[in-house]
Amino acid sequence: MRLRDFLLTISFRASNVDTSLFTLNGNHDLYYLLVYVDDILITSNNSELIHRLITFLSLEFKLCDLGHAHYVLGIEVVPTSMGLVLSQTQVCS
């Protein structure tokens, strides 16, 4: 709740469909922030915005930036020139 309240005070909007998703849209810039237990996934169309948000969040919360996402909840995240490709390929044993 503390993170949710903080995000709302800095103009993020809580999703009506998913309580773990927050968005911020303004001046051609978009943020998507997804919270799962103690992990936060942040994406934006502007990489500088991501770094500024991480810096801002670190002033309020103890956090560790793990860099670019590779896997999130069993979903592979692959960056491309057009954005991110999410893949949920299943490996058989």
Protein backbone atom coordinates (compact mmCIF):
# COMPACT_ATOMS: atom_id res chain seq x y z
CA MET A 1 0.00 0.00 0.00
CA ARG A 2 2.87 2.38 0.72
CA LEU A 3 4.27 1.94 -2.80
CA ARG A 4 0.78 2.29 -4.30
CA ASP A 5 0.12 5.50 -2.38
CA PHE A 6 3.53 6.88 -3.37
CA LEU A 7 2.96 6.12 -7.05
CA LEU A 8 -0.46 7.78 -6.97
CA THR A 9 1.03 10.93 -5.42
CA ILE A 10 3.51 11.21 -8.33
CA SER A 11 0.69 11.00 -10.91
CA PHE A 12 0.71 7.29 -11.73
CA ARG A 13 -2.70 5.74 -12.30
CA ALA A 14 -3.67 2.37 -10.90
CA SER A 15 -5.07 -0.07 -13.44
CA ASN A 16 -8.77 -0.86 -13.10
CA VAL A 17 -8.11 -4.41 -14.31
CA ASP A 18 -4.85 -5.40 -12.58
CA THR A 19 -4.01 -4.11 -9.09
CA SER A 20 -0.29 -4.66 -9.71
CA LEU A 21 -0.12 -2.40 -12.81
CA PHE A 22 0.45 1.35 -12.74
CA THR A 23 0.75 3.69 -15.72
CA LEU A 24 1.82 7.25 -16.32
CA ASN A 25 1.18 9.01 -19.63
CA GLY A 26 2.25 12.53 -20.45
CA ASN A 27 4.11 14.62 -23.02
CA HIS A 28 4.53 11.68 -25.45
CA ASP A 29 6.20 9.66 -22.68
CA LEU A 30 4.74 6.48 -21.22
CA TYR A 31 5.63 4.53 -18.09
CA TYR A 32 4.39 1.07 -17.20
CA LEU A 33 5.21 -0.20 -13.74
CA LEU A 34 4.30 -3.74 -12.67
CA VAL A 35 4.64 -4.91 -9.08
CA TYR A 36 4.87 -8.58 -8.09
CA VAL A 37 5.51 -9.29 -4.39
CA ASP A 38 8.87 -7.52 -3.90
CA ASP A 39 9.81 -7.14 -7.56
CA ILE A 40 9.09 -4.13 -9.77
CA LEU A 41 9.28 -4.16 -13.55
CA ILE A 42 9.48 -0.71 -15.15
CA THR A 43 9.30 0.05 -18.85
CA SER A 44 8.99 3.27 -20.81
CA ASN A 45 9.39 4.59 -24.33
CA ASN A 46 12.16 6.79 -22.92
CA SER A 47 15.11 5.09 -21.19
CA GLU A 48 16.10 8.32 -19.44
CA LEU A 49 12.69 8.35 -17.75
CA ILE A 50 13.33 4.86 -16.38
CA HIS A 51 16.61 5.96 -14.81
CA ARG A 52 15.00 9.07 -13.32
CA LEU A 53 12.13 7.03 -11.87
CA ILE A 54 14.51 4.48 -10.34
CA THR A 55 16.52 7.31 -8.76
CA PHE A 56 13.32 8.91 -7.45
CA LEU A 57 12.01 5.60 -6.05
CA SER A 58 15.36 4.92 -4.36
CA LEU A 59 14.96 8.14 -2.37
CA GLU A 60 11.77 6.75 -0.84
CA PHE A 61 12.39 2.98 -0.81
CA LYS A 62 15.35 0.63 -0.43
CA LEU A 63 15.82 -0.97 -3.83
CA CYS A 64 18.31 -2.68 -6.07
CA ASP A 65 18.34 -2.09 -9.83
CA LEU A 66 18.85 -5.47 -11.51
CA GLY A 67 19.15 -3.95 -14.98
CA HIS A 68 17.32 -5.18 -18.04
CA ALA A 69 14.72 -7.90 -17.56
CA HIS A 70 15.44 -11.30 -19.10
CA TYR A 71 12.69 -13.39 -17.48
CA VAL A 72 9.65 -12.20 -15.55
CA LEU A 73 7.22 -14.73 -14.05
CA GLY A 74 8.29 -17.38 -16.56
CA ILE A 75 8.05 -15.02 -19.52
CA GLU A 76 11.17 -14.34 -21.57
CA VAL A 77 11.75 -10.65 -22.33
CA VAL A 78 13.70 -9.95 -25.54
CA PRO A 79 14.52 -6.35 -26.51
CA THR A 80 14.27 -5.49 -30.22
CA SER A 81 14.55 -2.28 -32.21
CA MET A 82 10.73 -2.05 -32.15
CA GLY A 83 10.34 -2.63 -28.41
CA LEU A 84 10.06 -5.76 -26.29
CA VAL A 85 9.05 -9.23 -27.40
CA LEU A 86 7.49 -11.39 -24.69
CA SER A 87 7.74 -15.13 -25.19
CA GLN A 88 6.47 -17.97 -23.07
CA THR A 89 8.14 -20.93 -24.74
CA GLN A 90 7.92 -24.15 -22.83
CA VAL A 91 10.91 -26.44 -22.54
CA CYS A 92 10.10 -30.15 -22.29
CA SER A 93 12.29 -32.38 -20.14
